[in-house]
Amino acid sequence: TTLVSLVPPLPFVPPVLRGAVTAVIMALGVQREATYMAVATTDPTTGERIEPNVLKNPARNAEFLATQLQSAGYFQLADDQALVITIDRASAGYFVVPVTDDWTITKDYWNEQTSLNNAQAVADDAGNTTYTLVVSPSDPGVANWVSTGGLNQGTLSIRFQDIDPESLRTVSDAML
């Protein structure tokens, strides 16, 4: 970052340079895709594939975010099925539940609510710490529905942020 900050902004960025930067970013992303997918599909202690519709306890799997925990998994749902998730955000100031496809791309977010955070969701309790969310391809007519954007299979990556770093060890066991 120090080196990049020394380069003055160009008044006009040639398309070849923009294309080269995009290619580098894509190449770096492709190299990390297998690692990211393993977070959603593999048990970190055994290395075995986890079952669909099961979320792991929140853990620090984004090493560059000191105050974030993440609970990842993947879903496989028929059109008439739903995944019901109860979240206890404990000391987290913020959580978000985004639904993505197998390539971690959010589908149809402009027409459907494919993510939900604690500011948007309706809490189960007066203390605003517990939330029940319903993830499904079609609207079940309940509060806290998170659309899959029409997908029957994809990934979930619940992120908990603004967590006191001192409480990270005990918080992850209480959240899901």
C-alpha atoms as a PDB file:
ATOM      1  CA  THR A   1       0.000   0.000   0.000  1.00  0.00           C
ATOM      2  CA  THR A   2       2.825   2.417   0.680  1.00  0.00           C
ATOM      3  CA  LEU A   3       4.251   1.921  -2.784  1.00  0.00           C
ATOM      4  CA  VAL A   4       0.852   2.249  -4.457  1.00  0.00           C
ATOM      5  CA  SER A   5       0.081   5.448  -2.545  1.00  0.00           C
ATOM      6  CA  LEU A   6       3.204   7.048  -4.055  1.00  0.00           C
ATOM      7  CA  VAL A   7       1.842   6.656  -7.582  1.00  0.00           C
ATOM      8  CA  PRO A   8      -0.162   9.754  -8.547  1.00  0.00           C
ATOM      9  CA  PRO A   9      -3.622   9.187 -10.036  1.00  0.00           C
ATOM     10  CA  LEU A  10      -3.692   9.133 -13.804  1.00  0.00           C
ATOM     11  CA  PRO A  11      -6.013  11.628 -15.524  1.00  0.00           C
ATOM     12  CA  PHE A  12      -6.899   8.911 -18.054  1.00  0.00           C
ATOM     13  CA  VAL A  13      -6.410   5.206 -17.445  1.00  0.00           C
ATOM     14  CA  PRO A  14      -5.712   3.406 -20.726  1.00  0.00           C
ATOM     15  CA  PRO A  15      -8.000   0.395 -21.370  1.00  0.00           C
ATOM     16  CA  VAL A  16      -4.971  -1.898 -21.584  1.00  0.00           C
ATOM     17  CA  LEU A  17      -3.920  -0.900 -18.047  1.00  0.00           C
ATOM     18  CA  ARG A  18      -7.469  -1.314 -16.732  1.00  0.00           C
ATOM     19  CA  GLY A  19      -7.603  -4.752 -18.370  1.00  0.00           C
ATOM     20  CA  ALA A  20      -4.257  -5.762 -16.858  1.00  0.00           C
ATOM     21  CA  VAL A  21      -5.365  -4.704 -13.375  1.00  0.00           C
ATOM     22  CA  THR A  22      -8.640  -6.612 -13.785  1.00  0.00           C
ATOM     23  CA  ALA A  23      -6.756  -9.723 -14.951  1.00  0.00           C
ATOM     24  CA  VAL A  24      -4.474  -9.618 -11.897  1.00  0.00           C
ATOM     25  CA  ILE A  25      -7.414  -9.196  -9.534  1.00  0.00           C
ATOM     26  CA  MET A  26      -9.272 -12.064 -11.187  1.00  0.00           C
ATOM     27  CA  ALA A  27      -6.201 -14.303 -11.079  1.00  0.00           C
ATOM     28  CA  LEU A  28      -5.748 -13.629  -7.365  1.00  0.00           C
ATOM     29  CA  GLY A  29      -9.446 -14.279  -6.767  1.00  0.00           C
ATOM     30  CA  VAL A  30      -9.410 -17.563  -8.668  1.00  0.00           C
ATOM     31  CA  GLN A  31      -6.450 -18.750  -6.615  1.00  0.00           C
ATOM     32  CA  ARG A  32      -8.379 -18.039  -3.395  1.00  0.00           C
ATOM     33  CA  GLU A  33     -11.692 -19.529  -4.578  1.00  0.00           C
ATOM     34  CA  ALA A  34     -10.820 -23.106  -3.564  1.00  0.00           C
ATOM     35  CA  THR A  35      -9.773 -21.880  -0.118  1.00  0.00           C
ATOM     36  CA  TYR A  36     -13.005 -19.933   0.296  1.00  0.00           C
ATOM     37  CA  MET A  37     -15.162 -22.837  -0.872  1.00  0.00           C
ATOM     38  CA  ALA A  38     -13.384 -25.120   1.607  1.00  0.00           C
ATOM     39  CA  VAL A  39     -14.482 -22.753   4.387  1.00  0.00           C
ATOM     40  CA  ALA A  40     -18.114 -23.398   3.400  1.00  0.00           C
ATOM     41  CA  THR A  41     -17.917 -27.127   2.627  1.00  0.00           C
ATOM     42  CA  THR A  42     -15.177 -28.687   4.781  1.00  0.00           C
ATOM     43  CA  ASP A  43     -14.837 -29.386   8.497  1.00  0.00           C
ATOM     44  CA  PRO A  44     -11.602 -27.621   9.504  1.00  0.00           C
ATOM     45  CA  THR A  45     -10.696 -30.179  12.181  1.00  0.00           C
ATOM     46  CA  THR A  46     -11.281 -33.365  10.183  1.00  0.00           C
ATOM     47  CA  GLY A  47     -10.930 -32.155   6.598  1.00  0.00           C
ATOM     48  CA  GLU A  48     -14.123 -34.059   5.766  1.00  0.00           C
ATOM     49  CA  ARG A  49     -16.922 -32.558   3.693  1.00  0.00           C
ATOM     50  CA  ILE A  50     -19.774 -31.234   5.833  1.00  0.00           C
ATOM     51  CA  GLU A  51     -23.402 -31.966   5.064  1.00  0.00           C
ATOM     52  CA  PRO A  52     -25.538 -29.322   3.341  1.00  0.00           C
ATOM     53  CA  ASN A  53     -27.791 -27.126   5.507  1.00  0.00           C
ATOM     54  CA  VAL A  54     -25.361 -27.276   8.434  1.00  0.00           C
ATOM     55  CA  LEU A  55     -23.534 -24.175   9.645  1.00  0.00           C
ATOM     56  CA  LYS A  56     -20.310 -24.332  11.605  1.00  0.00           C
ATOM     57  CA  ASN A  57     -19.731 -22.443  14.833  1.00  0.00           C
ATOM     58  CA  PRO A  58     -18.410 -18.948  14.132  1.00  0.00           C
ATOM     59  CA  ALA A  59     -14.640 -18.833  13.753  1.00  0.00           C
ATOM     60  CA  ARG A  60     -11.908 -16.468  12.636  1.00  0.00           C
ATOM     61  CA  ASN A  61     -11.375 -17.630   9.084  1.00  0.00           C
ATOM     62  CA  ALA A  62     -10.779 -14.168   7.648  1.00  0.00           C
ATOM     63  CA  GLU A  63      -7.341 -13.559   9.110  1.00  0.00           C
ATOM     64  CA  PHE A  64      -7.253  -9.921   8.049  1.00  0.00           C
ATOM     65  CA  LEU A  65     -10.375  -8.984  10.054  1.00  0.00           C
ATOM     66  CA  ALA A  66      -9.452  -9.042  13.725  1.00  0.00           C
ATOM     67  CA  THR A  67     -12.957  -8.395  15.030  1.00  0.00           C
ATOM     68  CA  GLN A  68     -14.953 -10.620  12.668  1.00  0.00           C
ATOM     69  CA  LEU A  69     -16.183 -14.154  13.100  1.00  0.00           C
ATOM     70  CA  GLN A  70     -17.742 -16.135  10.291  1.00  0.00           C
ATOM     71  CA  SER A  71     -20.067 -19.124  10.222  1.00  0.00           C
ATOM     72  CA  ALA A  72     -20.016 -20.701   6.790  1.00  0.00           C
ATOM     73  CA  GLY A  73     -21.873 -23.524   5.144  1.00  0.00           C
ATOM     74  CA  TYR A  74     -23.785 -24.413   2.038  1.00  0.00           C
ATOM     75  CA  PHE A  75     -27.420 -25.148   1.380  1.00  0.00           C
ATOM     76  CA  GLN A  76     -29.327 -27.556  -0.825  1.00  0.00           C
ATOM     77  CA  LEU A  77     -33.058 -26.874  -0.777  1.00  0.00           C
ATOM     78  CA  ALA A  78     -36.003 -27.979  -2.894  1.00  0.00           C
ATOM     79  CA  ASP A  79     -38.415 -25.263  -4.019  1.00  0.00           C
ATOM     80  CA  ASP A  80     -40.721 -26.035  -1.088  1.00  0.00           C
ATOM     81  CA  GLN A  81     -38.011 -26.361   1.586  1.00  0.00           C
ATOM     82  CA  ALA A  82     -36.504 -23.811   3.963  1.00  0.00           C
ATOM     83  CA  LEU A  83     -33.467 -23.592   6.214  1.00  0.00           C
ATOM     84  CA  VAL A  84     -34.352 -22.067   9.589  1.00  0.00           C
ATOM     85  CA  ILE A  85     -31.429 -20.413  11.393  1.00  0.00           C
ATOM     86  CA  THR A  86     -31.483 -19.035  14.932  1.00  0.00           C
ATOM     87  CA  ILE A  87     -28.705 -16.572  15.605  1.00  0.00           C
ATOM     88  CA  ASP A  88     -27.549 -15.257  18.964  1.00  0.00           C
ATOM     89  CA  ARG A  89     -25.333 -12.323  18.085  1.00  0.00           C
ATOM     90  CA  ALA A  90     -23.916 -12.242  21.650  1.00  0.00           C
ATOM     91  CA  SER A  91     -21.499  -9.288  21.820  1.00  0.00           C
ATOM     92  CA  ALA A  92     -21.384  -8.693  18.065  1.00  0.00           C
ATOM     93  CA  GLY A  93     -22.510  -5.203  17.119  1.00  0.00           C
ATOM     94  CA  TYR A  94     -23.436  -6.379  13.642  1.00  0.00           C
ATOM     95  CA  PHE A  95     -24.248  -9.553  11.747  1.00  0.00           C
ATOM     96  CA  VAL A  96     -25.229 -10.214   8.155  1.00  0.00           C
ATOM     97  CA  VAL A  97     -26.532 -13.339   6.439  1.00  0.00           C
ATOM     98  CA  PRO A  98     -25.812 -13.172   2.687  1.00  0.00           C
ATOM     99  CA  VAL A  99     -26.832 -15.962   0.316  1.00  0.00           C
ATOM    100  CA  THR A 100     -24.576 -16.569  -2.678  1.00  0.00           C
ATOM    101  CA  ASP A 101     -24.274 -19.083  -5.493  1.00  0.00           C
ATOM    102  CA  ASP A 102     -21.536 -21.717  -5.640  1.00  0.00           C
ATOM    103  CA  TRP A 103     -19.136 -19.067  -6.967  1.00  0.00           C
ATOM    104  CA  THR A 104     -19.967 -16.746  -4.040  1.00  0.00           C
ATOM    105  CA  ILE A 105     -21.946 -14.319  -6.216  1.00  0.00           C
ATOM    106  CA  THR A 106     -25.154 -12.823  -4.840  1.00  0.00           C
ATOM    107  CA  LYS A 107     -28.098 -13.497  -7.157  1.00  0.00           C
ATOM    108  CA  ASP A 108     -30.951 -11.100  -7.979  1.00  0.00           C
ATOM    109  CA  TYR A 109     -30.328  -8.839  -4.959  1.00  0.00           C
ATOM    110  CA  TRP A 110     -31.990  -5.951  -6.760  1.00  0.00           C
ATOM    111  CA  ASN A 111     -35.373  -7.740  -6.833  1.00  0.00           C
ATOM    112  CA  GLU A 112     -35.185  -9.962  -3.762  1.00  0.00           C
ATOM    113  CA  GLN A 113     -33.734  -9.697  -0.284  1.00  0.00           C
ATOM    114  CA  THR A 114     -30.814 -12.130  -0.584  1.00  0.00           C
ATOM    115  CA  SER A 115     -29.166 -10.897   2.610  1.00  0.00           C
ATOM    116  CA  LEU A 116     -30.353  -9.694   5.970  1.00  0.00           C
ATOM    117  CA  ASN A 117     -28.548  -7.962   8.822  1.00  0.00           C
ATOM    118  CA  ASN A 118     -29.469  -7.245  12.428  1.00  0.00           C
ATOM    119  CA  ALA A 119     -30.642  -3.705  11.575  1.00  0.00           C
ATOM    120  CA  GLN A 120     -33.109  -5.113   9.004  1.00  0.00           C
ATOM    121  CA  ALA A 121     -34.210  -8.235  10.882  1.00  0.00           C
ATOM    122  CA  VAL A 122     -36.882  -8.512  13.547  1.00  0.00           C
ATOM    123  CA  ALA A 123     -35.412  -9.748  16.836  1.00  0.00           C
ATOM    124  CA  ASP A 124     -36.964 -12.620  18.783  1.00  0.00           C
ATOM    125  CA  ASP A 125     -36.259 -10.950  22.126  1.00  0.00           C
ATOM    126  CA  ALA A 126     -36.457  -7.516  23.735  1.00  0.00           C
ATOM    127  CA  GLY A 127     -32.662  -7.326  24.031  1.00  0.00           C
ATOM    128  CA  ASN A 128     -32.245  -7.639  20.233  1.00  0.00           C
ATOM    129  CA  THR A 129     -29.736 -10.457  20.565  1.00  0.00           C
ATOM    130  CA  THR A 130     -31.603 -13.473  19.151  1.00  0.00           C
ATOM    131  CA  TYR A 131     -32.971 -13.687  15.607  1.00  0.00           C
ATOM    132  CA  THR A 132     -34.690 -16.473  13.679  1.00  0.00           C
ATOM    133  CA  LEU A 133     -34.161 -16.303   9.907  1.00  0.00           C
ATOM    134  CA  VAL A 134     -35.727 -18.396   7.162  1.00  0.00           C
ATOM    135  CA  VAL A 135     -33.664 -19.084   4.025  1.00  0.00           C
ATOM    136  CA  SER A 136     -35.641 -20.428   1.079  1.00  0.00           C
ATOM    137  CA  PRO A 137     -36.095 -20.145  -2.696  1.00  0.00           C
ATOM    138  CA  SER A 138     -39.680 -18.899  -2.337  1.00  0.00           C
ATOM    139  CA  ASP A 139     -41.280 -16.462   0.103  1.00  0.00           C
ATOM    140  CA  PRO A 140     -42.826 -18.383   3.029  1.00  0.00           C
ATOM    141  CA  GLY A 141     -44.634 -15.228   4.187  1.00  0.00           C
ATOM    142  CA  VAL A 142     -42.728 -14.814   7.453  1.00  0.00           C
ATOM    143  CA  ALA A 143     -40.563 -12.078   8.892  1.00  0.00           C
ATOM    144  CA  ASN A 144     -36.819 -12.429   8.363  1.00  0.00           C
ATOM    145  CA  TRP A 145     -37.047 -14.289   5.062  1.00  0.00           C
ATOM    146  CA  VAL A 146     -33.758 -14.432   3.186  1.00  0.00           C
ATOM    147  CA  SER A 147     -34.308 -15.296  -0.457  1.00  0.00           C
ATOM    148  CA  THR A 148     -31.922 -17.621  -2.239  1.00  0.00           C
ATOM    149  CA  GLY A 149     -32.561 -15.579  -5.376  1.00  0.00           C
ATOM    150  CA  GLY A 150     -34.185 -18.640  -6.905  1.00  0.00           C
ATOM    151  CA  LEU A 151     -31.196 -20.878  -6.159  1.00  0.00           C
ATOM    152  CA  ASN A 152     -31.665 -24.382  -4.823  1.00  0.00           C
ATOM    153  CA  GLN A 153     -27.972 -24.674  -3.947  1.00  0.00           C
ATOM    154  CA  GLY A 154     -25.467 -22.095  -2.782  1.00  0.00           C
ATOM    155  CA  THR A 155     -23.395 -20.837   0.127  1.00  0.00           C
ATOM    156  CA  LEU A 156     -24.098 -19.021   3.367  1.00  0.00           C
ATOM    157  CA  SER A 157     -21.467 -16.994   5.119  1.00  0.00           C
ATOM    158  CA  ILE A 158     -22.851 -15.400   8.261  1.00  0.00           C
ATOM    159  CA  ARG A 159     -20.481 -12.664   9.379  1.00  0.00           C
ATOM    160  CA  PHE A 160     -20.352 -11.254  12.902  1.00  0.00           C
ATOM    161  CA  GLN A 161     -18.512  -7.947  13.221  1.00  0.00           C
ATOM    162  CA  ASP A 162     -17.678  -5.295  15.810  1.00  0.00           C
ATOM    163  CA  ILE A 163     -16.812  -7.901  18.412  1.00  0.00           C
ATOM    164  CA  ASP A 164     -14.694  -7.163  21.434  1.00  0.00           C
ATOM    165  CA  PRO A 165     -11.371  -8.912  20.630  1.00  0.00           C
ATOM    166  CA  GLU A 166     -11.074 -10.048  24.265  1.00  0.00           C
ATOM    167  CA  SER A 167     -14.338 -11.982  24.020  1.00  0.00           C
ATOM    168  CA  LEU A 168     -13.673 -13.730  20.688  1.00  0.00           C
ATOM    169  CA  ARG A 169     -12.867 -17.103  22.242  1.00  0.00           C
ATOM    170  CA  THR A 170     -16.091 -17.480  24.185  1.00  0.00           C
ATOM    171  CA  VAL A 171     -18.398 -15.685  21.770  1.00  0.00           C
ATOM    172  CA  SER A 172     -18.047 -18.168  18.896  1.00  0.00           C
ATOM    173  CA  ASP A 173     -19.514 -21.036  20.926  1.00  0.00           C
ATOM    174  CA  ALA A 174     -22.601 -19.058  21.947  1.00  0.00           C
ATOM    175  CA  MET A 175     -23.635 -17.561  18.599  1.00  0.00           C
ATOM    176  CA  LEU A 176     -25.216 -20.464  16.714  1.00  0.00           C
END
